[in-house]
N, C-alpha and C. Protein backbone atom coordinates (compact mmCIF):
# COMPACT_ATOMS: atom_id res chain seq x y z
N UNK A 1 20.06 -113.47 46.33
CA UNK A 1 20.81 -114.32 45.46
C UNK A 1 22.29 -113.95 45.57
N UNK A 2 23.17 -114.92 45.60
CA UNK A 2 24.61 -114.70 45.69
C UNK A 2 25.10 -113.88 44.38
N UNK A 3 26.11 -113.05 44.55
CA UNK A 3 26.85 -112.37 43.49
C UNK A 3 28.25 -112.97 43.50
N UNK A 4 28.71 -113.32 42.25
CA UNK A 4 29.96 -113.85 42.01
C UNK A 4 30.79 -113.03 41.04
N UNK A 5 32.18 -112.89 41.31
CA UNK A 5 33.02 -112.10 40.46
C UNK A 5 34.11 -112.99 40.08
N UNK A 6 34.48 -112.89 38.66
CA UNK A 6 35.50 -113.65 38.06
C UNK A 6 36.83 -113.10 38.48
N UNK A 7 37.77 -113.98 39.06
CA UNK A 7 39.01 -113.51 39.60
C UNK A 7 39.95 -113.08 38.40
N UNK A 8 39.59 -113.50 37.18
CA UNK A 8 40.39 -113.06 36.09
C UNK A 8 40.08 -111.85 35.45
N UNK A 9 38.80 -111.57 35.13
CA UNK A 9 38.43 -110.33 34.33
C UNK A 9 37.56 -109.44 35.20
N UNK A 10 37.05 -109.89 36.32
CA UNK A 10 36.12 -109.01 37.12
C UNK A 10 34.67 -109.15 36.83
N UNK A 11 34.32 -109.92 35.78
CA UNK A 11 32.86 -110.11 35.41
C UNK A 11 32.18 -110.48 36.64
N UNK A 12 30.94 -109.93 36.82
CA UNK A 12 30.04 -110.29 37.96
C UNK A 12 28.63 -110.92 37.43
N UNK A 13 28.23 -111.84 38.14
CA UNK A 13 26.88 -112.37 37.83
C UNK A 13 26.09 -112.87 39.14
N UNK A 14 24.84 -112.78 39.03
CA UNK A 14 24.05 -113.25 40.28
C UNK A 14 23.45 -114.62 39.81
N UNK A 15 23.93 -115.64 40.53
CA UNK A 15 23.44 -117.08 40.33
C UNK A 15 23.73 -117.83 41.67
N UNK A 16 23.09 -118.92 41.76
CA UNK A 16 23.22 -119.68 43.06
C UNK A 16 24.63 -120.27 43.19
N UNK A 17 25.25 -120.70 42.11
CA UNK A 17 26.61 -121.31 42.09
C UNK A 17 27.26 -120.81 40.91
N UNK A 18 28.60 -120.52 41.04
CA UNK A 18 29.36 -119.98 39.91
C UNK A 18 29.55 -120.95 38.83
N UNK A 19 29.70 -120.54 37.47
CA UNK A 19 29.85 -121.51 36.51
C UNK A 19 31.32 -122.09 36.52
N UNK A 20 31.54 -123.14 35.73
CA UNK A 20 32.90 -123.58 35.48
C UNK A 20 33.77 -122.68 34.61
N UNK A 21 33.14 -122.15 33.67
CA UNK A 21 33.85 -121.19 32.69
C UNK A 21 33.12 -119.80 32.71
N UNK A 22 34.04 -118.78 32.76
CA UNK A 22 33.48 -117.30 32.80
C UNK A 22 32.78 -117.05 31.46
N UNK A 23 31.55 -116.50 31.56
CA UNK A 23 30.86 -116.13 30.26
C UNK A 23 31.45 -114.96 29.60
N UNK A 24 32.32 -114.16 30.31
CA UNK A 24 32.93 -113.03 29.67
C UNK A 24 34.37 -113.31 29.14
N UNK A 25 35.22 -113.91 29.95
CA UNK A 25 36.60 -114.07 29.31
C UNK A 25 36.71 -115.52 28.77
N UNK A 26 35.76 -116.39 28.99
CA UNK A 26 35.80 -117.70 28.38
C UNK A 26 36.87 -118.66 28.88
N UNK A 27 37.30 -118.27 30.12
CA UNK A 27 38.30 -119.18 30.65
C UNK A 27 37.81 -119.85 31.95
N UNK A 28 38.48 -121.00 32.37
CA UNK A 28 38.06 -121.61 33.67
C UNK A 28 38.73 -120.67 34.77
N UNK A 29 37.80 -120.02 35.43
CA UNK A 29 38.26 -119.00 36.39
C UNK A 29 37.77 -119.38 37.86
N UNK A 30 38.54 -118.83 38.81
CA UNK A 30 38.00 -118.93 40.19
C UNK A 30 37.04 -117.76 40.35
N UNK A 31 35.84 -118.07 40.82
CA UNK A 31 34.86 -117.02 41.11
C UNK A 31 34.81 -116.81 42.58
N UNK A 32 34.94 -115.43 42.96
CA UNK A 32 34.88 -115.21 44.41
C UNK A 32 33.48 -114.56 44.80
N UNK A 33 33.07 -114.87 46.03
CA UNK A 33 31.82 -114.37 46.47
C UNK A 33 31.94 -112.83 46.64
N UNK A 34 31.08 -112.18 45.85
CA UNK A 34 31.05 -110.76 45.73
C UNK A 34 29.76 -110.25 46.38
N UNK A 35 28.99 -111.02 47.14
CA UNK A 35 27.73 -110.82 47.61
C UNK A 35 27.71 -109.48 48.57
N UNK A 36 28.72 -109.45 49.43
CA UNK A 36 28.83 -108.28 50.41
C UNK A 36 29.96 -107.39 50.14
N UNK A 37 30.02 -106.91 48.82
CA UNK A 37 31.02 -106.02 48.48
C UNK A 37 30.67 -104.53 48.95
N UNK A 38 30.56 -104.49 50.25
CA UNK A 38 30.32 -103.09 50.82
C UNK A 38 31.57 -102.97 51.81
N UNK A 39 32.40 -101.92 51.60
CA UNK A 39 33.66 -101.66 52.31
C UNK A 39 33.50 -101.87 53.72
N UNK A 40 32.38 -101.54 54.35
CA UNK A 40 32.26 -101.57 55.89
C UNK A 40 31.71 -102.84 56.35
N UNK A 41 31.49 -103.88 55.46
CA UNK A 41 30.85 -105.00 55.86
C UNK A 41 31.66 -106.02 56.63
N UNK A 42 33.01 -105.91 56.55
CA UNK A 42 33.95 -106.87 57.17
C UNK A 42 34.30 -107.99 56.37
N UNK A 43 33.96 -108.02 55.14
CA UNK A 43 34.31 -109.17 54.16
C UNK A 43 35.85 -109.33 54.29
N UNK A 44 36.32 -110.62 54.44
CA UNK A 44 37.73 -110.90 54.57
C UNK A 44 38.23 -111.59 53.35
N UNK A 45 37.54 -111.62 52.28
CA UNK A 45 37.93 -112.28 51.15
C UNK A 45 39.14 -111.76 50.38
N UNK A 46 39.58 -112.38 49.39
CA UNK A 46 40.71 -111.87 48.66
C UNK A 46 40.37 -110.72 47.68
N UNK A 47 41.14 -109.84 47.62
CA UNK A 47 40.71 -108.52 46.80
C UNK A 47 42.11 -108.05 46.15
N UNK A 48 42.39 -108.67 45.09
CA UNK A 48 43.77 -108.42 44.38
C UNK A 48 43.68 -107.18 43.59
N UNK A 49 44.96 -106.66 43.53
CA UNK A 49 45.16 -105.45 42.69
C UNK A 49 46.09 -106.00 41.47
N UNK A 50 45.54 -107.00 40.71
CA UNK A 50 46.27 -107.47 39.59
C UNK A 50 46.55 -106.52 38.54
N UNK A 51 47.70 -106.65 38.00
CA UNK A 51 48.03 -105.87 36.65
C UNK A 51 47.70 -106.58 35.45
N UNK A 52 47.37 -105.81 34.36
CA UNK A 52 46.83 -106.34 33.10
C UNK A 52 47.74 -105.79 32.03
N UNK A 53 48.09 -106.69 31.19
CA UNK A 53 48.98 -106.39 30.03
C UNK A 53 48.23 -106.35 28.66
N UNK A 54 48.53 -105.28 27.88
CA UNK A 54 47.95 -105.12 26.63
C UNK A 54 48.69 -106.10 25.65
N UNK A 55 47.93 -107.00 24.97
CA UNK A 55 48.60 -108.06 24.14
C UNK A 55 48.94 -107.39 22.76
N UNK A 56 48.53 -106.25 22.58
CA UNK A 56 48.97 -105.58 21.23
C UNK A 56 50.27 -104.74 21.34
N UNK A 57 50.48 -104.02 22.40
CA UNK A 57 51.66 -103.23 22.50
C UNK A 57 52.49 -103.47 23.76
N UNK A 58 51.93 -104.16 24.75
CA UNK A 58 52.73 -104.50 26.00
C UNK A 58 52.55 -103.45 27.08
N UNK A 59 51.69 -102.53 26.93
CA UNK A 59 51.46 -101.57 28.02
C UNK A 59 50.86 -102.39 29.16
N UNK A 60 51.35 -101.99 30.49
CA UNK A 60 50.79 -102.63 31.66
C UNK A 60 49.92 -101.76 32.39
N UNK A 61 48.65 -102.13 32.51
CA UNK A 61 47.70 -101.37 33.53
C UNK A 61 48.02 -101.80 34.91
N UNK A 62 48.39 -100.85 35.73
CA UNK A 62 48.68 -100.94 37.13
C UNK A 62 47.55 -100.31 37.95
N UNK A 63 46.64 -101.02 38.62
CA UNK A 63 45.56 -100.41 39.40
C UNK A 63 46.00 -99.40 40.34
N UNK A 64 47.21 -99.61 40.95
CA UNK A 64 47.72 -98.58 41.89
C UNK A 64 47.95 -97.18 41.21
N UNK A 65 48.41 -97.18 39.90
CA UNK A 65 48.65 -96.00 39.17
C UNK A 65 47.30 -95.58 38.58
N UNK A 66 46.42 -96.53 38.08
CA UNK A 66 45.22 -96.16 37.24
C UNK A 66 45.69 -95.62 36.01
N UNK A 67 44.76 -94.74 35.42
CA UNK A 67 45.00 -94.03 34.11
C UNK A 67 44.32 -92.71 34.21
N UNK A 68 44.69 -91.82 35.16
CA UNK A 68 43.97 -90.57 35.38
C UNK A 68 43.87 -89.67 34.22
N UNK A 69 44.82 -89.75 33.20
CA UNK A 69 44.73 -88.92 32.04
C UNK A 69 43.47 -89.30 31.15
N UNK A 70 43.04 -90.56 31.43
CA UNK A 70 41.91 -91.08 30.68
C UNK A 70 40.70 -91.57 31.55
N UNK A 71 40.61 -90.76 32.70
CA UNK A 71 39.40 -90.97 33.60
C UNK A 71 39.44 -92.14 34.58
N UNK A 72 40.54 -92.84 34.66
CA UNK A 72 40.53 -94.03 35.57
C UNK A 72 41.45 -93.59 36.73
N UNK A 73 40.91 -93.45 37.90
CA UNK A 73 41.60 -93.00 39.09
C UNK A 73 42.67 -93.94 39.70
N UNK A 74 43.70 -93.55 40.38
CA UNK A 74 44.57 -94.53 40.96
C UNK A 74 43.72 -95.34 42.01
N UNK A 75 44.07 -96.58 42.14
CA UNK A 75 43.29 -97.59 43.04
C UNK A 75 42.18 -98.20 42.33
N UNK A 76 41.99 -97.99 41.00
CA UNK A 76 40.84 -98.73 40.33
C UNK A 76 41.27 -100.06 39.88
N UNK A 77 40.56 -101.09 40.41
CA UNK A 77 40.83 -102.39 40.04
C UNK A 77 40.32 -102.72 38.58
N UNK A 78 40.92 -103.73 37.89
CA UNK A 78 40.60 -103.98 36.51
C UNK A 78 39.16 -104.14 36.47
N UNK A 79 38.54 -104.88 37.15
CA UNK A 79 37.11 -105.15 37.01
C UNK A 79 36.22 -103.86 37.07
N UNK A 80 36.80 -102.78 37.60
CA UNK A 80 36.05 -101.56 37.68
C UNK A 80 36.45 -100.53 36.65
N UNK A 81 37.37 -100.88 35.78
CA UNK A 81 37.82 -100.07 34.74
C UNK A 81 36.59 -100.02 33.69
N UNK A 82 36.16 -98.93 33.10
CA UNK A 82 35.06 -98.92 32.26
C UNK A 82 35.27 -99.88 30.99
N UNK A 83 34.23 -100.48 30.55
CA UNK A 83 34.39 -101.30 29.39
C UNK A 83 34.86 -100.66 28.11
N UNK A 84 34.46 -99.34 28.07
CA UNK A 84 34.90 -98.63 26.78
C UNK A 84 36.30 -97.98 26.90
N UNK A 85 37.00 -98.28 28.04
CA UNK A 85 38.33 -97.75 28.14
C UNK A 85 39.29 -98.35 27.18
N UNK A 86 40.25 -97.65 26.64
CA UNK A 86 41.19 -98.11 25.64
C UNK A 86 42.56 -97.98 26.17
N UNK A 87 43.39 -98.80 25.60
CA UNK A 87 44.88 -98.68 25.99
C UNK A 87 45.36 -97.29 25.64
N UNK A 88 46.00 -96.65 26.51
CA UNK A 88 46.43 -95.27 26.37
C UNK A 88 47.60 -95.19 25.38
N UNK A 89 48.38 -96.30 25.01
CA UNK A 89 49.44 -96.33 24.15
C UNK A 89 48.94 -96.58 22.71
N UNK A 90 48.21 -97.74 22.52
CA UNK A 90 47.89 -98.14 21.10
C UNK A 90 46.35 -98.03 20.78
N UNK A 91 45.53 -97.83 21.77
CA UNK A 91 44.20 -97.73 21.59
C UNK A 91 43.34 -99.01 21.55
N UNK A 92 44.03 -100.10 21.92
CA UNK A 92 43.42 -101.47 21.98
C UNK A 92 42.24 -101.51 22.98
N UNK A 93 41.25 -102.26 22.75
CA UNK A 93 40.10 -102.31 23.65
C UNK A 93 40.53 -103.09 24.92
N UNK A 94 39.68 -102.95 25.87
CA UNK A 94 39.93 -103.66 27.22
C UNK A 94 40.04 -105.13 27.04
N UNK A 95 39.23 -105.75 26.11
CA UNK A 95 39.35 -107.17 25.97
C UNK A 95 40.61 -107.66 25.29
N UNK A 96 41.47 -106.80 24.96
CA UNK A 96 42.86 -107.10 24.43
C UNK A 96 44.00 -107.30 25.50
N UNK A 97 43.47 -107.21 26.73
CA UNK A 97 44.46 -107.25 27.86
C UNK A 97 44.30 -108.58 28.57
N UNK A 98 45.43 -109.03 29.17
CA UNK A 98 45.41 -110.33 29.83
C UNK A 98 46.07 -110.05 31.22
N UNK A 99 45.65 -110.82 32.26
CA UNK A 99 46.24 -110.69 33.56
C UNK A 99 47.72 -111.01 33.52
N UNK A 100 48.36 -110.21 34.20
CA UNK A 100 49.85 -110.40 34.39
C UNK A 100 50.05 -111.68 35.27
N UNK A 101 50.84 -112.70 34.88
CA UNK A 101 51.12 -113.88 35.64
C UNK A 101 52.18 -113.68 36.60
């Protein structure tokens, strides 16, 4: 069964065809085929390192920097940041962040 990843929030699901709206972020998102997410498989799809902004305090999560002081290594994409991670500035939950446009 194919695996799909939301390009906005990183949510993944296994279903034949992706939904119109992401069940996690509740937005109309582009879903990318995540079926062969094995680094050596040769997948040539888009793999963005998008930044995310805390809507509470304005802190910007930069995946290239990560948040090593709070257990998130540099190079960690937003979809791989743990769900229980909190903004290091104000303590807001991960769902209080939006992708930087």
